[in-house]
């Protein structure tokens, strides 16, 4: 997995401010992370398109989307930082955007996929004080 350090930095900033943006290339917003602390929902945007949404306090994956390798890398980084054990892949020739969970690959990210992930996800979540910064991997 390609880890994108910019996503980690944006998550840290969004945790403090509620939203953080990375603007490059002709004033275009490349990545954005928003955190709704009251609902504990973390969202990742890539070129203003929602690519991932997670309810962090319950470790529920609400939404995943992508159409490129950069979407794949940013979503995997985002999920990894939140200790969500789902990996996404991008296969432009034979399947597009897909995800794997516990060794099973899902080519369609539909309600069935979200139900399986959210019902069978790991129960050891380290969220304290509604802050992803408190999880051990980031201390």
N, C-alpha and C. Protein backbone atom coordinates (compact mmCIF):
# COMPACT_ATOMS: atom_id res chain seq x y z
N UNK A 1 0.83 -1.18 0.00
CA UNK A 1 0.00 0.00 0.00
C UNK A 1 0.88 1.24 0.00
N UNK A 2 0.53 2.18 -0.82
CA UNK A 2 1.23 3.45 -0.85
C UNK A 2 0.60 4.36 0.21
N UNK A 3 1.37 4.74 1.21
CA UNK A 3 0.88 5.60 2.28
C UNK A 3 1.06 7.06 1.86
N UNK A 4 0.00 7.84 1.94
CA UNK A 4 0.05 9.24 1.54
C UNK A 4 0.12 10.10 2.81
N UNK A 5 1.29 10.62 3.07
CA UNK A 5 1.53 11.41 4.27
C UNK A 5 0.62 12.64 4.32
N UNK A 6 0.29 13.21 3.18
CA UNK A 6 -0.59 14.38 3.14
C UNK A 6 -1.96 14.08 3.76
N UNK A 7 -2.46 12.87 3.58
CA UNK A 7 -3.75 12.49 4.16
C UNK A 7 -3.64 12.48 5.68
N UNK A 8 -2.55 11.96 6.20
CA UNK A 8 -2.33 11.93 7.64
C UNK A 8 -2.30 13.36 8.19
N UNK A 9 -1.60 14.25 7.52
CA UNK A 9 -1.51 15.65 7.96
C UNK A 9 -2.88 16.31 7.91
N UNK A 10 -3.62 16.06 6.83
CA UNK A 10 -4.97 16.62 6.72
C UNK A 10 -5.90 16.11 7.81
N UNK A 11 -5.77 14.84 8.16
CA UNK A 11 -6.60 14.29 9.23
C UNK A 11 -6.28 14.95 10.56
N UNK A 12 -5.00 15.20 10.81
CA UNK A 12 -4.61 15.88 12.05
C UNK A 12 -5.20 17.29 12.09
N UNK A 13 -5.11 18.01 10.99
CA UNK A 13 -5.66 19.37 10.92
C UNK A 13 -7.17 19.38 11.03
N UNK A 14 -7.82 18.46 10.33
CA UNK A 14 -9.28 18.39 10.36
C UNK A 14 -9.78 18.05 11.76
N UNK A 15 -9.01 17.26 12.47
CA UNK A 15 -9.36 16.91 13.85
C UNK A 15 -9.43 18.18 14.71
N UNK A 16 -8.53 19.11 14.45
CA UNK A 16 -8.51 20.36 15.22
C UNK A 16 -9.50 21.39 14.69
N UNK A 17 -9.63 21.50 13.37
CA UNK A 17 -10.38 22.59 12.74
C UNK A 17 -11.75 22.19 12.20
N UNK A 18 -11.97 20.90 12.01
CA UNK A 18 -13.22 20.44 11.41
C UNK A 18 -13.08 20.12 9.92
N UNK A 19 -12.19 20.85 9.24
CA UNK A 19 -11.95 20.59 7.82
C UNK A 19 -10.52 21.01 7.49
N UNK A 20 -9.93 20.30 6.55
CA UNK A 20 -8.58 20.65 6.08
C UNK A 20 -8.49 20.31 4.60
N UNK A 21 -7.83 21.18 3.85
CA UNK A 21 -7.72 21.02 2.40
C UNK A 21 -6.27 21.05 1.96
N UNK A 22 -5.96 20.31 0.93
CA UNK A 22 -4.66 20.38 0.26
C UNK A 22 -4.93 20.94 -1.13
N UNK A 23 -4.41 22.13 -1.37
CA UNK A 23 -4.64 22.79 -2.65
C UNK A 23 -3.32 22.84 -3.41
N UNK A 24 -3.35 22.32 -4.61
CA UNK A 24 -2.20 22.32 -5.51
C UNK A 24 -2.69 22.68 -6.90
N UNK A 25 -1.87 22.52 -7.87
CA UNK A 25 -2.23 22.62 -9.28
C UNK A 25 -3.31 23.67 -9.58
N UNK A 26 -2.89 24.87 -9.86
CA UNK A 26 -3.79 25.93 -10.30
C UNK A 26 -4.95 26.15 -9.34
N UNK A 27 -4.66 26.24 -8.06
CA UNK A 27 -5.66 26.48 -7.02
C UNK A 27 -6.77 25.44 -6.98
N UNK A 28 -6.46 24.23 -7.35
CA UNK A 28 -7.46 23.15 -7.33
C UNK A 28 -7.28 22.34 -6.05
N UNK A 29 -8.38 22.07 -5.39
CA UNK A 29 -8.36 21.28 -4.17
C UNK A 29 -8.13 19.82 -4.53
N UNK A 30 -6.99 19.27 -4.10
CA UNK A 30 -6.66 17.89 -4.41
C UNK A 30 -7.30 16.95 -3.40
N UNK A 31 -7.00 17.14 -2.13
CA UNK A 31 -7.58 16.33 -1.06
C UNK A 31 -8.23 17.24 -0.04
N UNK A 32 -9.27 16.73 0.59
CA UNK A 32 -9.93 17.42 1.68
C UNK A 32 -10.41 16.37 2.68
N UNK A 33 -10.27 16.68 3.96
CA UNK A 33 -10.78 15.81 5.01
C UNK A 33 -11.67 16.65 5.90
N UNK A 34 -12.85 16.13 6.21
CA UNK A 34 -13.73 16.82 7.15
C UNK A 34 -14.06 15.89 8.30
N UNK A 35 -14.22 16.48 9.47
CA UNK A 35 -14.55 15.72 10.67
C UNK A 35 -15.75 16.38 11.34
N UNK A 36 -16.81 15.63 11.47
CA UNK A 36 -17.98 16.08 12.22
C UNK A 36 -17.88 15.42 13.59
N UNK A 37 -17.37 16.16 14.56
CA UNK A 37 -17.11 15.59 15.88
C UNK A 37 -18.38 15.20 16.62
N UNK A 38 -19.48 15.89 16.38
CA UNK A 38 -20.71 15.55 17.08
C UNK A 38 -21.25 14.20 16.65
N UNK A 39 -21.05 13.85 15.37
CA UNK A 39 -21.52 12.56 14.86
C UNK A 39 -20.38 11.57 14.69
N UNK A 40 -19.15 12.01 14.92
CA UNK A 40 -17.95 11.19 14.77
C UNK A 40 -17.82 10.63 13.35
N UNK A 41 -18.09 11.49 12.37
CA UNK A 41 -18.01 11.07 10.97
C UNK A 41 -16.81 11.74 10.31
N UNK A 42 -15.96 10.91 9.74
CA UNK A 42 -14.78 11.37 9.00
C UNK A 42 -15.05 11.18 7.52
N UNK A 43 -14.76 12.22 6.71
CA UNK A 43 -14.97 12.13 5.27
C UNK A 43 -13.70 12.51 4.53
N UNK A 44 -13.44 11.80 3.45
CA UNK A 44 -12.29 12.07 2.60
C UNK A 44 -12.80 12.44 1.21
N UNK A 45 -12.28 13.54 0.66
CA UNK A 45 -12.63 13.99 -0.68
C UNK A 45 -11.37 14.03 -1.54
N UNK A 46 -11.51 13.67 -2.80
CA UNK A 46 -10.41 13.75 -3.76
C UNK A 46 -10.95 14.50 -4.97
N UNK A 47 -10.35 15.64 -5.26
CA UNK A 47 -10.87 16.54 -6.30
C UNK A 47 -12.36 16.80 -6.12
N UNK A 48 -12.74 17.12 -4.89
CA UNK A 48 -14.10 17.50 -4.48
C UNK A 48 -15.13 16.39 -4.63
N UNK A 49 -14.68 15.16 -4.80
CA UNK A 49 -15.58 14.01 -4.86
C UNK A 49 -15.41 13.20 -3.59
N UNK A 50 -16.51 12.88 -2.93
CA UNK A 50 -16.44 12.07 -1.72
C UNK A 50 -15.95 10.67 -2.09
N UNK A 51 -14.84 10.25 -1.47
CA UNK A 51 -14.29 8.92 -1.76
C UNK A 51 -14.39 7.98 -0.56
N UNK A 52 -14.56 8.51 0.65
CA UNK A 52 -14.71 7.64 1.82
C UNK A 52 -15.41 8.39 2.94
N UNK A 53 -16.23 7.65 3.67
CA UNK A 53 -16.90 8.20 4.83
C UNK A 53 -16.96 7.09 5.88
N UNK A 54 -16.59 7.45 7.12
CA UNK A 54 -16.52 6.47 8.20
C UNK A 54 -17.13 7.07 9.46
N UNK A 55 -17.95 6.30 10.14
CA UNK A 55 -18.43 6.67 11.48
C UNK A 55 -17.44 6.08 12.46
N UNK A 56 -16.52 6.91 12.90
CA UNK A 56 -15.34 6.44 13.62
C UNK A 56 -15.65 5.82 14.97
N UNK A 57 -16.58 6.38 15.74
CA UNK A 57 -16.81 5.84 17.08
C UNK A 57 -17.41 4.44 17.04
N UNK A 58 -18.06 4.08 15.95
CA UNK A 58 -18.62 2.73 15.80
C UNK A 58 -17.84 1.88 14.80
N UNK A 59 -16.79 2.47 14.23
CA UNK A 59 -15.97 1.81 13.21
C UNK A 59 -16.81 1.31 12.05
N UNK A 60 -17.74 2.12 11.58
CA UNK A 60 -18.59 1.73 10.47
C UNK A 60 -18.15 2.45 9.20
N UNK A 61 -17.97 1.66 8.16
CA UNK A 61 -17.67 2.22 6.84
C UNK A 61 -19.01 2.60 6.23
N UNK A 62 -19.19 3.89 5.97
CA UNK A 62 -20.45 4.37 5.42
C UNK A 62 -20.44 4.43 3.91
N UNK A 63 -19.25 4.70 3.33
CA UNK A 63 -19.18 4.91 1.89
C UNK A 63 -17.74 4.79 1.41
N UNK A 64 -17.55 4.11 0.28
CA UNK A 64 -16.26 4.05 -0.41
C UNK A 64 -16.50 4.23 -1.89
N UNK A 65 -15.61 4.99 -2.54
CA UNK A 65 -15.77 5.23 -3.97
C UNK A 65 -14.41 5.57 -4.56
N UNK A 66 -14.19 5.14 -5.78
CA UNK A 66 -12.96 5.52 -6.46
C UNK A 66 -12.97 5.13 -7.91
N UNK A 67 -12.16 5.87 -8.66
CA UNK A 67 -12.02 5.59 -10.09
C UNK A 67 -10.59 5.72 -10.56
N UNK A 68 -9.64 5.63 -9.64
CA UNK A 68 -8.24 5.79 -10.03
C UNK A 68 -7.33 5.17 -8.97
N UNK A 69 -6.08 5.02 -9.36
CA UNK A 69 -5.08 4.51 -8.42
C UNK A 69 -4.88 5.50 -7.27
N UNK A 70 -4.96 6.79 -7.55
CA UNK A 70 -4.79 7.78 -6.48
C UNK A 70 -5.98 7.74 -5.51
N UNK A 71 -7.18 7.45 -6.01
CA UNK A 71 -8.32 7.23 -5.11
C UNK A 71 -8.04 6.03 -4.21
N UNK A 72 -7.58 4.96 -4.80
CA UNK A 72 -7.26 3.74 -4.05
C UNK A 72 -6.27 4.04 -2.94
N UNK A 73 -5.17 4.71 -3.29
CA UNK A 73 -4.12 4.98 -2.30
C UNK A 73 -4.61 5.90 -1.18
N UNK A 74 -5.37 6.92 -1.54
CA UNK A 74 -5.85 7.85 -0.51
C UNK A 74 -6.88 7.18 0.40
N UNK A 75 -7.78 6.38 -0.16
CA UNK A 75 -8.78 5.69 0.66
C UNK A 75 -8.11 4.66 1.57
N UNK A 76 -7.14 3.91 1.06
CA UNK A 76 -6.43 2.94 1.90
C UNK A 76 -5.68 3.64 3.04
N UNK A 77 -5.07 4.77 2.76
CA UNK A 77 -4.38 5.53 3.81
C UNK A 77 -5.38 5.98 4.87
N UNK A 78 -6.48 6.55 4.42
CA UNK A 78 -7.54 7.04 5.30
C UNK A 78 -8.06 5.93 6.21
N UNK A 79 -8.40 4.78 5.62
CA UNK A 79 -8.92 3.65 6.41
C UNK A 79 -7.87 3.11 7.37
N UNK A 80 -6.64 3.06 6.93
CA UNK A 80 -5.55 2.57 7.78
C UNK A 80 -5.37 3.46 9.01
N UNK A 81 -5.43 4.77 8.82
CA UNK A 81 -5.27 5.70 9.94
C UNK A 81 -6.41 5.58 10.95
N UNK A 82 -7.57 5.15 10.48
CA UNK A 82 -8.71 4.95 11.37
C UNK A 82 -8.81 3.50 11.86
N UNK A 83 -7.79 2.71 11.56
CA UNK A 83 -7.73 1.29 11.96
C UNK A 83 -8.94 0.50 11.48
N UNK A 84 -9.31 0.72 10.24
CA UNK A 84 -10.39 -0.03 9.61
C UNK A 84 -9.73 -1.04 8.68
N UNK A 85 -10.01 -2.31 8.89
CA UNK A 85 -9.33 -3.39 8.17
C UNK A 85 -10.01 -3.72 6.84
N UNK A 86 -10.09 -2.72 5.98
CA UNK A 86 -10.63 -2.91 4.63
C UNK A 86 -9.59 -2.36 3.67
N UNK A 87 -9.30 -3.11 2.63
CA UNK A 87 -8.37 -2.64 1.60
C UNK A 87 -9.12 -2.50 0.29
N UNK A 88 -8.86 -1.39 -0.39
CA UNK A 88 -9.49 -1.19 -1.69
C UNK A 88 -8.44 -1.34 -2.78
N UNK A 89 -8.92 -1.72 -3.95
CA UNK A 89 -8.04 -1.91 -5.11
C UNK A 89 -8.69 -1.25 -6.31
N UNK A 90 -7.86 -0.90 -7.26
CA UNK A 90 -8.36 -0.32 -8.50
C UNK A 90 -7.82 -1.14 -9.65
N UNK A 91 -8.73 -1.75 -10.41
CA UNK A 91 -8.37 -2.57 -11.56
C UNK A 91 -9.13 -2.04 -12.78
N UNK A 92 -8.51 -1.14 -13.52
CA UNK A 92 -9.23 -0.48 -14.62
C UNK A 92 -9.67 -1.42 -15.73
N UNK A 93 -8.96 -2.51 -15.94
CA UNK A 93 -9.30 -3.39 -17.05
C UNK A 93 -10.39 -4.39 -16.69
N UNK A 94 -10.31 -4.96 -15.49
CA UNK A 94 -11.24 -6.05 -15.18
C UNK A 94 -11.96 -5.89 -13.85
N UNK A 95 -12.50 -4.76 -13.60
CA UNK A 95 -13.29 -4.68 -12.37
C UNK A 95 -13.41 -3.32 -11.74
N UNK A 96 -12.56 -2.40 -12.08
CA UNK A 96 -12.66 -1.07 -11.49
C UNK A 96 -12.31 -1.06 -10.02
N UNK A 97 -13.09 -0.35 -9.24
CA UNK A 97 -12.84 -0.16 -7.81
C UNK A 97 -13.49 -1.29 -7.04
N UNK A 98 -12.73 -1.98 -6.23
CA UNK A 98 -13.25 -3.08 -5.43
C UNK A 98 -12.59 -3.06 -4.07
N UNK A 99 -13.08 -3.87 -3.16
CA UNK A 99 -12.54 -3.88 -1.80
C UNK A 99 -12.41 -5.30 -1.31
N UNK A 100 -11.49 -5.49 -0.37
CA UNK A 100 -11.35 -6.80 0.26
C UNK A 100 -11.43 -6.63 1.77
N UNK A 101 -12.05 -7.62 2.38
CA UNK A 101 -12.22 -7.64 3.83
C UNK A 101 -12.09 -9.07 4.29
N UNK A 102 -11.18 -9.33 5.22
CA UNK A 102 -10.91 -10.66 5.75
C UNK A 102 -10.66 -11.68 4.64
N UNK A 103 -9.89 -11.28 3.63
CA UNK A 103 -9.48 -12.18 2.57
C UNK A 103 -10.49 -12.39 1.46
N UNK A 104 -11.65 -11.79 1.57
CA UNK A 104 -12.68 -11.94 0.54
C UNK A 104 -12.76 -10.64 -0.25
N UNK A 105 -12.73 -10.76 -1.58
CA UNK A 105 -12.82 -9.58 -2.42
C UNK A 105 -14.26 -9.34 -2.84
N UNK A 106 -14.64 -8.07 -2.78
CA UNK A 106 -15.99 -7.65 -3.16
C UNK A 106 -15.87 -6.71 -4.36
N UNK A 107 -16.41 -7.13 -5.49
CA UNK A 107 -16.34 -6.32 -6.71
C UNK A 107 -17.41 -5.24 -6.74
N UNK A 108 -18.46 -5.42 -5.95
CA UNK A 108 -19.50 -4.42 -5.88
C UNK A 108 -19.57 -3.90 -4.45
N UNK A 109 -19.41 -2.60 -4.30
CA UNK A 109 -19.48 -1.99 -2.97
C UNK A 109 -20.93 -1.55 -2.74
N UNK A 110 -21.76 -2.53 -2.44
CA UNK A 110 -23.19 -2.30 -2.26
C UNK A 110 -23.57 -2.48 -0.79
N UNK A 111 -24.86 -2.46 -0.51
CA UNK A 111 -25.33 -2.61 0.87
C UNK A 111 -24.84 -3.90 1.50
N UNK A 112 -24.78 -4.97 0.72
CA UNK A 112 -24.30 -6.25 1.23
C UNK A 112 -22.87 -6.13 1.74
N UNK A 113 -22.00 -5.49 0.97
CA UNK A 113 -20.61 -5.28 1.40
C UNK A 113 -20.55 -4.49 2.70
N UNK A 114 -21.26 -3.36 2.77
CA UNK A 114 -21.23 -2.51 3.97
C UNK A 114 -21.78 -3.26 5.19
N UNK A 115 -22.83 -4.05 4.99
CA UNK A 115 -23.38 -4.83 6.10
C UNK A 115 -22.37 -5.84 6.63
N UNK A 116 -21.69 -6.55 5.73
CA UNK A 116 -20.70 -7.55 6.14
C UNK A 116 -19.55 -6.89 6.89
N UNK A 117 -19.03 -5.80 6.35
CA UNK A 117 -17.90 -5.11 6.99
C UNK A 117 -18.30 -4.55 8.35
N UNK A 118 -19.45 -3.92 8.42
CA UNK A 118 -19.85 -3.26 9.65
C UNK A 118 -20.31 -4.23 10.73
N UNK A 119 -20.80 -5.39 10.35
CA UNK A 119 -21.23 -6.38 11.34
C UNK A 119 -20.07 -7.24 11.81
N UNK A 120 -19.06 -7.43 10.96
CA UNK A 120 -17.97 -8.34 11.28
C UNK A 120 -16.63 -7.64 11.49
N UNK A 121 -16.64 -6.34 11.53
CA UNK A 121 -15.40 -5.59 11.69
C UNK A 121 -14.78 -5.83 13.05
N UNK A 122 -13.49 -5.53 13.18
CA UNK A 122 -12.81 -5.73 14.45
C UNK A 122 -13.42 -4.86 15.54
N UNK A 123 -13.48 -5.39 16.74
CA UNK A 123 -14.14 -4.68 17.84
C UNK A 123 -13.16 -3.84 18.66
N UNK A 124 -11.88 -4.00 18.45
CA UNK A 124 -10.91 -3.29 19.28
C UNK A 124 -10.57 -1.93 18.66
N UNK A 125 -11.38 -0.96 18.95
CA UNK A 125 -11.17 0.38 18.40
C UNK A 125 -10.61 1.27 19.50
N UNK A 126 -9.63 2.07 19.17
CA UNK A 126 -8.90 2.84 20.16
C UNK A 126 -9.33 4.29 20.25
N UNK A 127 -10.50 4.63 19.76
CA UNK A 127 -10.94 6.02 19.78
C UNK A 127 -11.18 6.46 21.22
N UNK A 128 -10.54 7.55 21.60
CA UNK A 128 -10.72 8.13 22.91
C UNK A 128 -10.95 9.61 22.73
N UNK A 129 -11.84 10.18 23.48
CA UNK A 129 -12.10 11.63 23.42
C UNK A 129 -12.47 12.08 22.00
N UNK A 130 -13.13 11.23 21.23
CA UNK A 130 -13.52 11.55 19.85
C UNK A 130 -12.37 12.08 19.02
N UNK A 131 -11.19 11.51 19.18
CA UNK A 131 -10.02 11.99 18.45
C UNK A 131 -9.26 10.82 17.87
N UNK A 132 -9.13 10.79 16.55
CA UNK A 132 -8.37 9.71 15.94
C UNK A 132 -6.90 9.81 16.32
N UNK A 133 -6.46 10.98 16.77
CA UNK A 133 -5.06 11.18 17.14
C UNK A 133 -4.67 10.37 18.36
N UNK A 134 -5.61 9.86 19.10
CA UNK A 134 -5.32 9.10 20.30
C UNK A 134 -5.03 7.62 20.02
N UNK A 135 -5.25 7.17 18.80
CA UNK A 135 -5.02 5.76 18.53
C UNK A 135 -3.52 5.48 18.50
N UNK A 136 -3.10 4.33 18.98
CA UNK A 136 -1.67 4.05 19.18
C UNK A 136 -0.78 4.26 17.96
N UNK A 137 -1.27 3.98 16.77
CA UNK A 137 -0.42 4.09 15.60
C UNK A 137 0.03 5.52 15.32
N UNK A 138 -0.69 6.49 15.87
CA UNK A 138 -0.39 7.87 15.58
C UNK A 138 0.21 8.62 16.77
N UNK A 139 0.44 7.95 17.87
CA UNK A 139 1.00 8.63 19.05
C UNK A 139 2.51 8.70 18.94
